[in-house]
């Protein structure tokens, strides 16, 4: 092998190794790569349940998407309306929510929002999704400050989950 071919070979190998590291580091913040939607004890789909991932056990909706609470809310009354509710959609209910394994059914209720529609609450706090979460297991809203308060994923005990620091700019535009 000539010296020139050897250098090209080394440069190609280094580029390939760098690309592999970059792809491995792009996992994002995900609670679980395969977060399964929650089910009730008899196997039926549940409105909310629990999934495990990088934040530990957290509440998720029927599609396995992370549920959040907003620090500005006062008890069961939501402080998130208008543009806030567009970016942080309330977890809605049409009737009594069904609870999947890991969640405490005694902590689930509903409250009436300012628009007259029902929102699911857990441990006395309204629950929300985040539009920045694109797939089940994403936790991109964890710890963000937006619309005058902080947002946190919710543990099965109803507490705020403290996860890794959000990405810089993750709250951009909020």
N, C-alpha and C. Protein backbone atom coordinates (compact mmCIF):
# COMPACT_ATOMS: atom_id res chain seq x y z
N UNK A 1 0.86 -1.18 0.00
CA UNK A 1 0.00 0.00 0.00
C UNK A 1 0.90 1.23 0.00
N UNK A 2 0.62 2.17 -0.88
CA UNK A 2 1.42 3.38 -0.94
C UNK A 2 1.06 4.28 0.22
N UNK A 3 1.97 5.20 0.49
CA UNK A 3 1.75 6.14 1.60
C UNK A 3 0.47 6.94 1.39
N UNK A 4 0.21 7.38 0.17
CA UNK A 4 -0.98 8.18 -0.14
C UNK A 4 -2.26 7.36 0.12
N UNK A 5 -2.31 6.12 -0.32
CA UNK A 5 -3.48 5.27 -0.09
C UNK A 5 -3.67 5.01 1.40
N UNK A 6 -2.56 4.86 2.13
CA UNK A 6 -2.64 4.63 3.57
C UNK A 6 -3.26 5.85 4.28
N UNK A 7 -2.86 7.05 3.89
CA UNK A 7 -3.41 8.27 4.50
C UNK A 7 -4.90 8.40 4.16
N UNK A 8 -5.28 8.12 2.93
CA UNK A 8 -6.69 8.16 2.55
C UNK A 8 -7.48 7.14 3.36
N UNK A 9 -6.91 5.95 3.54
CA UNK A 9 -7.56 4.91 4.33
C UNK A 9 -7.76 5.37 5.77
N UNK A 10 -6.72 5.93 6.40
CA UNK A 10 -6.83 6.42 7.79
C UNK A 10 -7.86 7.55 7.90
N UNK A 11 -7.84 8.46 6.95
CA UNK A 11 -8.81 9.56 6.99
C UNK A 11 -10.23 9.04 6.85
N UNK A 12 -10.44 8.06 5.99
CA UNK A 12 -11.77 7.47 5.82
C UNK A 12 -12.21 6.75 7.09
N UNK A 13 -11.30 6.01 7.71
CA UNK A 13 -11.63 5.30 8.94
C UNK A 13 -11.97 6.28 10.06
N UNK A 14 -11.21 7.36 10.16
CA UNK A 14 -11.47 8.36 11.20
C UNK A 14 -12.82 9.03 10.96
N UNK A 15 -13.14 9.34 9.71
CA UNK A 15 -14.42 9.95 9.39
C UNK A 15 -15.57 9.02 9.74
N UNK A 16 -15.43 7.75 9.40
CA UNK A 16 -16.46 6.76 9.72
C UNK A 16 -16.66 6.64 11.23
N UNK A 17 -15.55 6.60 11.98
CA UNK A 17 -15.66 6.50 13.45
C UNK A 17 -16.33 7.75 14.02
N UNK A 18 -15.98 8.93 13.51
CA UNK A 18 -16.59 10.17 13.98
C UNK A 18 -18.09 10.17 13.70
N UNK A 19 -18.47 9.73 12.49
CA UNK A 19 -19.89 9.69 12.13
C UNK A 19 -20.66 8.74 13.04
N UNK A 20 -20.07 7.60 13.37
CA UNK A 20 -20.73 6.65 14.26
C UNK A 20 -20.93 7.26 15.64
N UNK A 21 -19.93 7.98 16.15
CA UNK A 21 -20.07 8.64 17.45
C UNK A 21 -21.14 9.72 17.41
N UNK A 22 -21.19 10.48 16.33
CA UNK A 22 -22.20 11.54 16.21
C UNK A 22 -23.60 10.95 16.22
N UNK A 23 -23.81 9.87 15.48
CA UNK A 23 -25.13 9.24 15.43
C UNK A 23 -25.50 8.70 16.81
N UNK A 24 -24.56 8.08 17.50
CA UNK A 24 -24.83 7.53 18.83
C UNK A 24 -25.18 8.62 19.82
N UNK A 25 -24.60 9.81 19.66
CA UNK A 25 -24.86 10.91 20.59
C UNK A 25 -26.14 11.66 20.30
N UNK A 26 -26.82 11.35 19.22
CA UNK A 26 -28.02 12.08 18.83
C UNK A 26 -29.29 11.42 19.33
N UNK A 27 -29.20 10.67 20.39
CA UNK A 27 -30.37 9.98 20.89
C UNK A 27 -31.41 10.91 21.46
N UNK A 28 -31.05 12.14 21.82
CA UNK A 28 -32.01 13.07 22.39
C UNK A 28 -32.43 12.64 23.78
N UNK A 29 -33.43 13.29 24.33
CA UNK A 29 -33.92 12.89 25.64
C UNK A 29 -35.16 12.05 25.43
N UNK A 30 -35.02 10.81 25.69
CA UNK A 30 -36.11 9.88 25.44
C UNK A 30 -36.33 9.00 26.65
N UNK A 31 -37.57 8.90 27.09
CA UNK A 31 -37.87 8.08 28.25
C UNK A 31 -37.69 6.61 27.92
N UNK A 32 -37.96 6.23 26.71
CA UNK A 32 -37.81 4.85 26.29
C UNK A 32 -37.96 4.78 24.79
N UNK A 33 -37.05 4.06 24.15
CA UNK A 33 -37.12 3.96 22.70
C UNK A 33 -38.37 3.23 22.25
N UNK A 34 -38.92 2.40 23.09
CA UNK A 34 -40.10 1.63 22.69
C UNK A 34 -41.19 1.74 23.76
N UNK A 35 -41.47 2.97 24.19
CA UNK A 35 -42.49 3.17 25.22
C UNK A 35 -43.83 2.65 24.71
N UNK A 36 -44.30 1.59 25.33
CA UNK A 36 -45.58 1.00 24.93
C UNK A 36 -46.72 1.81 25.54
N UNK A 37 -47.80 1.99 24.80
CA UNK A 37 -48.96 2.68 25.36
C UNK A 37 -49.47 1.94 26.60
N UNK A 38 -49.97 2.67 27.59
CA UNK A 38 -50.44 2.02 28.81
C UNK A 38 -51.74 1.25 28.59
N UNK A 39 -51.90 0.21 29.37
CA UNK A 39 -53.13 -0.58 29.32
C UNK A 39 -53.65 -0.79 30.73
N UNK A 40 -54.95 -1.08 30.81
CA UNK A 40 -55.56 -1.39 32.10
C UNK A 40 -55.19 -2.81 32.49
N UNK A 41 -55.58 -3.24 33.68
CA UNK A 41 -55.25 -4.58 34.14
C UNK A 41 -55.81 -5.66 33.23
N UNK A 42 -56.93 -5.38 32.55
CA UNK A 42 -57.51 -6.39 31.65
C UNK A 42 -57.00 -6.23 30.21
N UNK A 43 -55.95 -5.41 30.01
CA UNK A 43 -55.33 -5.29 28.70
C UNK A 43 -55.92 -4.26 27.76
N UNK A 44 -56.92 -3.53 28.20
CA UNK A 44 -57.54 -2.50 27.34
C UNK A 44 -56.71 -1.21 27.39
N UNK A 45 -56.80 -0.39 26.33
CA UNK A 45 -56.05 0.88 26.32
C UNK A 45 -56.46 1.77 27.50
N UNK A 46 -55.48 2.43 28.09
CA UNK A 46 -55.73 3.32 29.22
C UNK A 46 -55.49 4.77 28.80
N UNK A 47 -56.20 5.69 29.44
CA UNK A 47 -56.03 7.12 29.17
C UNK A 47 -54.64 7.58 29.62
N UNK A 48 -54.19 7.05 30.74
CA UNK A 48 -52.85 7.37 31.23
C UNK A 48 -52.30 6.18 31.99
N UNK A 49 -51.00 6.15 32.06
CA UNK A 49 -50.31 5.07 32.76
C UNK A 49 -48.88 5.48 33.05
N UNK A 50 -48.01 4.51 33.26
CA UNK A 50 -46.63 4.77 33.65
C UNK A 50 -45.68 4.10 32.66
N UNK A 51 -44.60 4.80 32.32
CA UNK A 51 -43.52 4.24 31.50
C UNK A 51 -42.20 4.52 32.21
N UNK A 52 -41.20 3.71 31.94
CA UNK A 52 -39.86 3.88 32.52
C UNK A 52 -38.89 4.33 31.45
N UNK A 53 -37.93 5.16 31.87
CA UNK A 53 -36.91 5.62 30.93
C UNK A 53 -35.84 6.42 31.63
N UNK A 54 -35.24 7.37 30.92
CA UNK A 54 -34.12 8.12 31.46
C UNK A 54 -34.51 9.03 32.63
N UNK A 55 -35.78 9.31 32.81
CA UNK A 55 -36.23 10.11 33.95
C UNK A 55 -36.77 9.22 35.07
N UNK A 56 -36.67 7.92 34.91
CA UNK A 56 -37.28 7.00 35.86
C UNK A 56 -38.70 6.72 35.41
N UNK A 57 -39.57 6.40 36.35
CA UNK A 57 -40.97 6.15 36.01
C UNK A 57 -41.72 7.47 35.93
N UNK A 58 -42.45 7.65 34.82
CA UNK A 58 -43.21 8.88 34.60
C UNK A 58 -44.58 8.54 34.04
N UNK A 59 -45.51 9.49 34.19
CA UNK A 59 -46.85 9.33 33.61
C UNK A 59 -46.79 9.58 32.11
N UNK A 60 -47.57 8.77 31.37
CA UNK A 60 -47.69 8.92 29.92
C UNK A 60 -49.16 8.83 29.53
N UNK A 61 -49.49 9.35 28.34
CA UNK A 61 -50.87 9.27 27.86
C UNK A 61 -51.10 7.95 27.14
N UNK A 62 -52.24 7.81 26.50
CA UNK A 62 -52.62 6.56 25.84
C UNK A 62 -51.72 6.19 24.67
N UNK A 63 -50.94 7.13 24.16
CA UNK A 63 -49.99 6.83 23.08
C UNK A 63 -48.56 6.70 23.58
N UNK A 64 -48.37 6.72 24.91
CA UNK A 64 -47.02 6.60 25.48
C UNK A 64 -46.25 7.90 25.51
N UNK A 65 -46.94 9.04 25.31
CA UNK A 65 -46.28 10.34 25.33
C UNK A 65 -46.24 10.92 26.73
N UNK A 66 -45.14 11.55 27.06
CA UNK A 66 -44.89 12.10 28.39
C UNK A 66 -45.94 13.12 28.79
N UNK A 67 -46.37 13.06 30.06
CA UNK A 67 -47.30 14.03 30.63
C UNK A 67 -46.53 14.95 31.58
N UNK A 68 -46.92 16.23 31.55
CA UNK A 68 -46.23 17.27 32.32
C UNK A 68 -47.20 18.01 33.23
N UNK A 69 -46.63 18.66 34.25
CA UNK A 69 -47.39 19.61 35.05
C UNK A 69 -46.68 20.96 34.99
N UNK A 70 -47.46 22.02 35.22
CA UNK A 70 -47.01 23.40 35.07
C UNK A 70 -46.98 24.04 36.45
N UNK A 71 -45.84 24.62 36.82
CA UNK A 71 -45.71 25.21 38.15
C UNK A 71 -46.64 26.40 38.39
N UNK A 72 -47.09 27.07 37.34
CA UNK A 72 -47.97 28.22 37.53
C UNK A 72 -49.41 27.84 37.85
N UNK A 73 -49.78 26.57 37.60
CA UNK A 73 -51.15 26.15 37.92
C UNK A 73 -51.39 26.26 39.42
N UNK A 74 -52.62 26.58 39.75
CA UNK A 74 -53.01 26.67 41.15
C UNK A 74 -54.01 25.56 41.45
N UNK A 75 -53.53 24.52 42.13
CA UNK A 75 -54.39 23.37 42.39
C UNK A 75 -54.83 22.76 41.08
N UNK A 76 -56.13 22.51 40.94
CA UNK A 76 -56.64 21.89 39.72
C UNK A 76 -56.95 22.92 38.63
N UNK A 77 -56.76 24.21 38.91
CA UNK A 77 -57.05 25.27 37.94
C UNK A 77 -55.85 25.50 37.04
N UNK A 78 -56.08 25.39 35.72
CA UNK A 78 -55.02 25.57 34.74
C UNK A 78 -54.73 27.05 34.51
N UNK A 79 -53.44 27.38 34.45
CA UNK A 79 -53.00 28.73 34.10
C UNK A 79 -52.49 28.77 32.66
N UNK A 80 -52.70 27.69 31.92
CA UNK A 80 -52.19 27.56 30.55
C UNK A 80 -53.35 27.61 29.57
N UNK A 81 -53.50 28.75 28.90
CA UNK A 81 -54.55 28.94 27.89
C UNK A 81 -53.95 29.60 26.66
N UNK A 82 -54.72 29.72 25.61
CA UNK A 82 -54.27 30.42 24.40
C UNK A 82 -53.04 29.77 23.79
N UNK A 83 -52.00 30.61 23.53
CA UNK A 83 -50.76 30.12 22.91
C UNK A 83 -50.10 29.05 23.77
N UNK A 84 -50.21 29.20 25.08
CA UNK A 84 -49.65 28.20 25.99
C UNK A 84 -50.29 26.84 25.72
N UNK A 85 -51.61 26.79 25.63
CA UNK A 85 -52.31 25.52 25.41
C UNK A 85 -52.06 24.96 24.01
N UNK A 86 -51.61 25.80 23.08
CA UNK A 86 -51.22 25.29 21.76
C UNK A 86 -49.89 24.55 21.84
N UNK A 87 -48.95 25.08 22.62
CA UNK A 87 -47.64 24.45 22.77
C UNK A 87 -47.65 23.34 23.81
N UNK A 88 -48.53 23.45 24.79
CA UNK A 88 -48.65 22.48 25.88
C UNK A 88 -50.11 22.03 25.95
N UNK A 89 -50.55 21.19 25.01
CA UNK A 89 -51.96 20.80 24.97
C UNK A 89 -52.40 20.09 26.25
N UNK A 90 -53.55 20.49 26.79
CA UNK A 90 -54.08 19.82 27.99
C UNK A 90 -54.44 18.37 27.66
N UNK A 91 -54.28 17.50 28.63
CA UNK A 91 -54.75 16.12 28.47
C UNK A 91 -56.25 16.16 28.72
N UNK A 92 -57.03 15.97 27.67
CA UNK A 92 -58.48 16.09 27.71
C UNK A 92 -59.14 14.79 28.11
N UNK A 93 -60.40 14.92 28.51
CA UNK A 93 -61.17 13.74 28.88
C UNK A 93 -62.60 13.88 28.39
N UNK A 94 -63.11 12.79 27.89
CA UNK A 94 -64.53 12.70 27.53
C UNK A 94 -65.09 11.59 28.40
N UNK A 95 -65.45 11.91 29.60
CA UNK A 95 -65.88 10.90 30.56
C UNK A 95 -64.76 10.59 31.53
N UNK A 96 -64.96 9.55 32.32
CA UNK A 96 -63.96 9.19 33.33
C UNK A 96 -62.74 8.55 32.68
N UNK A 97 -61.54 9.07 32.97
CA UNK A 97 -60.32 8.51 32.40
C UNK A 97 -60.08 7.08 32.90
N UNK A 98 -59.49 6.25 32.05
CA UNK A 98 -59.08 4.91 32.47
C UNK A 98 -57.61 4.95 32.85
N UNK A 99 -57.26 4.20 33.87
CA UNK A 99 -55.92 4.27 34.44
C UNK A 99 -55.19 2.96 34.19
N UNK A 100 -53.97 3.07 33.64
CA UNK A 100 -53.14 1.92 33.37
C UNK A 100 -52.29 1.53 34.58
N UNK A 101 -51.61 0.42 34.45
CA UNK A 101 -50.80 -0.08 35.55
C UNK A 101 -49.70 0.91 35.90
N UNK A 102 -49.43 0.99 37.18
CA UNK A 102 -48.41 1.89 37.71
C UNK A 102 -48.94 3.23 38.17
N UNK A 103 -50.07 3.67 37.63
CA UNK A 103 -50.68 4.94 38.05
C UNK A 103 -51.69 4.65 39.15
N UNK A 104 -51.90 5.63 40.01
CA UNK A 104 -52.82 5.49 41.14
C UNK A 104 -54.18 6.08 40.76
N UNK A 105 -55.17 5.21 40.56
CA UNK A 105 -56.51 5.65 40.13
C UNK A 105 -57.13 6.64 41.11
N UNK A 106 -56.79 6.56 42.39
CA UNK A 106 -57.37 7.48 43.37
C UNK A 106 -56.84 8.91 43.20
N UNK A 107 -55.77 9.09 42.42
CA UNK A 107 -55.18 10.41 42.20
C UNK A 107 -55.67 11.04 40.91
N UNK A 108 -56.48 10.31 40.13
CA UNK A 108 -56.95 10.80 38.84
C UNK A 108 -58.33 11.43 38.98
N UNK A 109 -58.48 12.60 38.40
CA UNK A 109 -59.76 13.31 38.39
C UNK A 109 -59.80 14.19 37.14
N UNK A 110 -60.82 14.99 37.03
CA UNK A 110 -60.90 15.97 35.95
C UNK A 110 -61.26 17.32 36.54
N UNK A 111 -60.91 18.37 35.82
CA UNK A 111 -61.32 19.72 36.20
C UNK A 111 -61.82 20.42 34.95
N UNK A 112 -62.63 21.43 35.14
CA UNK A 112 -63.18 22.17 34.01
C UNK A 112 -62.27 23.34 33.69
N UNK A 113 -61.84 23.43 32.45
CA UNK A 113 -60.98 24.53 31.99
C UNK A 113 -61.83 25.76 31.69
N UNK A 114 -61.16 26.87 31.43
CA UNK A 114 -61.87 28.12 31.15
C UNK A 114 -62.72 28.02 29.88
N UNK A 115 -62.38 27.08 28.97
CA UNK A 115 -63.18 26.90 27.76
C UNK A 115 -64.36 25.95 27.98
N UNK A 116 -64.54 25.48 29.22
CA UNK A 116 -65.65 24.60 29.56
C UNK A 116 -65.38 23.12 29.33
N UNK A 117 -64.23 22.78 28.73
CA UNK A 117 -63.89 21.37 28.47
C UNK A 117 -63.15 20.78 29.66
N UNK A 118 -63.18 19.46 29.75
CA UNK A 118 -62.56 18.75 30.86
C UNK A 118 -61.07 18.49 30.59
N UNK A 119 -60.28 18.62 31.66
CA UNK A 119 -58.85 18.30 31.61
C UNK A 119 -58.57 17.30 32.72
N UNK A 120 -57.75 16.32 32.42
CA UNK A 120 -57.40 15.31 33.42
C UNK A 120 -56.38 15.89 34.39
N UNK A 121 -56.59 15.61 35.66
CA UNK A 121 -55.65 16.01 36.71
C UNK A 121 -55.11 14.75 37.39
N UNK A 122 -53.93 14.90 37.98
CA UNK A 122 -53.32 13.81 38.72
C UNK A 122 -52.73 14.41 39.98
N UNK A 123 -53.09 13.87 41.10
CA UNK A 123 -52.64 14.38 42.40
C UNK A 123 -52.95 15.87 42.53
N UNK A 124 -54.10 16.28 41.98
CA UNK A 124 -54.56 17.66 42.11
C UNK A 124 -53.92 18.64 41.14
N UNK A 125 -53.22 18.16 40.12
CA UNK A 125 -52.55 19.04 39.16
C UNK A 125 -52.98 18.70 37.74
N UNK A 126 -53.32 19.72 36.93
CA UNK A 126 -53.66 19.47 35.52
C UNK A 126 -52.48 18.85 34.77
N UNK A 127 -52.79 17.99 33.80
CA UNK A 127 -51.75 17.32 33.00
C UNK A 127 -51.74 17.86 31.58
N UNK A 128 -50.53 17.91 30.99
CA UNK A 128 -50.33 18.45 29.65
C UNK A 128 -49.37 17.57 28.86
N UNK A 129 -49.47 17.70 27.54
CA UNK A 129 -48.49 17.14 26.61
C UNK A 129 -47.59 18.29 26.17
N UNK A 130 -46.55 18.00 25.40
CA UNK A 130 -45.67 19.05 24.86
C UNK A 130 -45.50 18.82 23.37
N UNK A 131 -45.74 19.86 22.55
CA UNK A 131 -45.65 19.70 21.10
C UNK A 131 -44.23 19.38 20.64
N UNK A 132 -43.23 19.67 21.46
CA UNK A 132 -41.85 19.35 21.13
C UNK A 132 -41.52 17.88 21.29
N UNK A 133 -42.41 17.11 21.89
CA UNK A 133 -42.24 15.66 21.98
C UNK A 133 -42.87 15.06 20.74
N UNK A 134 -42.06 14.47 19.89
CA UNK A 134 -42.54 13.99 18.60
C UNK A 134 -42.94 12.52 18.59
N UNK A 135 -42.46 11.75 19.58
CA UNK A 135 -42.76 10.32 19.60
C UNK A 135 -42.86 9.83 21.05
N UNK A 136 -43.44 8.67 21.24
CA UNK A 136 -43.51 8.11 22.60
C UNK A 136 -42.12 8.04 23.21
N UNK A 137 -42.04 8.42 24.47
CA UNK A 137 -40.77 8.37 25.18
C UNK A 137 -40.00 9.68 25.16
N UNK A 138 -40.32 10.62 24.26
CA UNK A 138 -39.63 11.91 24.27
C UNK A 138 -39.95 12.65 25.55
N UNK A 139 -38.95 13.35 26.09
CA UNK A 139 -39.12 14.15 27.31
C UNK A 139 -38.52 15.54 27.10
N UNK A 140 -38.72 16.11 25.92
CA UNK A 140 -38.11 17.38 25.57
C UNK A 140 -38.64 18.57 26.37
N UNK A 141 -39.80 18.42 27.00
CA UNK A 141 -40.35 19.51 27.79
C UNK A 141 -39.86 19.53 29.23
N UNK A 142 -39.16 18.49 29.65
CA UNK A 142 -38.71 18.37 31.03
C UNK A 142 -37.83 19.54 31.43
N UNK A 143 -38.24 20.26 32.48
CA UNK A 143 -37.45 21.34 33.05
C UNK A 143 -37.47 22.64 32.28
N UNK A 144 -38.23 22.72 31.17
CA UNK A 144 -38.28 23.97 30.41
C UNK A 144 -39.00 25.05 31.20
N UNK A 145 -38.61 26.28 30.96
CA UNK A 145 -39.34 27.43 31.48
C UNK A 145 -40.03 28.06 30.28
N UNK A 146 -41.35 28.11 30.35
CA UNK A 146 -42.14 28.67 29.25
C UNK A 146 -43.45 29.20 29.80
N UNK A 147 -43.92 30.30 29.26
CA UNK A 147 -45.19 30.92 29.66
C UNK A 147 -45.20 31.25 31.15
N UNK A 148 -44.04 31.71 31.63
CA UNK A 148 -43.95 32.21 33.00
C UNK A 148 -43.79 31.15 34.08
N UNK A 149 -43.48 29.93 33.73
CA UNK A 149 -43.28 28.89 34.75
C UNK A 149 -42.50 27.71 34.20
N UNK A 150 -42.13 26.83 35.09
CA UNK A 150 -41.37 25.63 34.71
C UNK A 150 -42.32 24.46 34.49
N UNK A 151 -41.89 23.55 33.63
CA UNK A 151 -42.65 22.37 33.27
C UNK A 151 -41.87 21.13 33.67
N UNK A 152 -42.56 20.17 34.26
CA UNK A 152 -41.91 18.95 34.72
C UNK A 152 -42.73 17.72 34.38
N UNK A 153 -42.05 16.64 34.03
CA UNK A 153 -42.70 15.35 33.90
C UNK A 153 -43.21 14.96 35.29
N UNK A 154 -44.17 14.04 35.33
CA UNK A 154 -44.84 13.69 36.59
C UNK A 154 -44.54 12.24 36.95
N UNK A 155 -44.17 12.03 38.21
CA UNK A 155 -43.92 10.68 38.70
C UNK A 155 -45.24 10.00 39.05
N UNK A 156 -45.26 8.67 39.21
CA UNK A 156 -46.49 7.98 39.61
C UNK A 156 -47.01 8.44 40.98
N UNK A 157 -46.13 9.03 41.79
CA UNK A 157 -46.55 9.57 43.08
C UNK A 157 -47.16 10.96 42.95
N UNK A 158 -47.14 11.52 41.73
CA UNK A 158 -47.71 12.84 41.49
C UNK A 158 -46.73 13.98 41.66
N UNK A 159 -45.46 13.66 41.86
CA UNK A 159 -44.43 14.68 42.07
C UNK A 159 -43.78 15.10 40.76
N UNK A 160 -43.13 16.26 40.80
CA UNK A 160 -42.33 16.72 39.66
C UNK A 160 -41.10 15.84 39.59
N UNK A 161 -40.75 15.44 38.37
CA UNK A 161 -39.54 14.65 38.15
C UNK A 161 -38.42 15.62 37.83
N UNK A 162 -37.30 15.45 38.47
CA UNK A 162 -36.14 16.28 38.15
C UNK A 162 -35.23 15.50 37.25
N UNK A 163 -35.16 15.92 36.00
CA UNK A 163 -34.34 15.21 35.01
C UNK A 163 -33.14 16.02 34.63
N UNK A 164 -32.46 15.59 33.57
CA UNK A 164 -31.31 16.32 33.08
C UNK A 164 -31.72 17.72 32.62
N UNK A 165 -30.75 18.61 32.61
CA UNK A 165 -31.01 19.99 32.19
C UNK A 165 -31.52 19.99 30.75
N UNK A 166 -32.49 20.87 30.43
CA UNK A 166 -33.01 20.93 29.06
C UNK A 166 -31.94 21.44 28.10
N UNK A 167 -32.11 21.14 26.82
CA UNK A 167 -31.20 21.62 25.79
C UNK A 167 -31.28 23.13 25.72
N UNK A 168 -30.11 23.82 25.55
CA UNK A 168 -30.18 25.26 25.37
C UNK A 168 -31.03 25.58 24.16
N UNK A 169 -31.90 26.56 24.30
CA UNK A 169 -32.78 26.94 23.19
C UNK A 169 -34.00 26.08 23.11
N UNK A 170 -34.13 25.06 23.97
CA UNK A 170 -35.28 24.15 23.93
C UNK A 170 -36.57 24.88 24.23
N UNK A 171 -36.51 25.99 24.98
CA UNK A 171 -37.70 26.75 25.30
C UNK A 171 -37.86 27.94 24.38
N UNK A 172 -37.10 27.97 23.34
CA UNK A 172 -37.10 29.07 22.40
C UNK A 172 -38.50 29.37 21.87
N UNK A 173 -38.86 30.61 21.89
CA UNK A 173 -40.14 31.03 21.36
C UNK A 173 -41.28 30.89 22.34
N UNK A 174 -41.01 30.50 23.55
CA UNK A 174 -42.10 30.31 24.51
C UNK A 174 -42.09 31.39 25.53
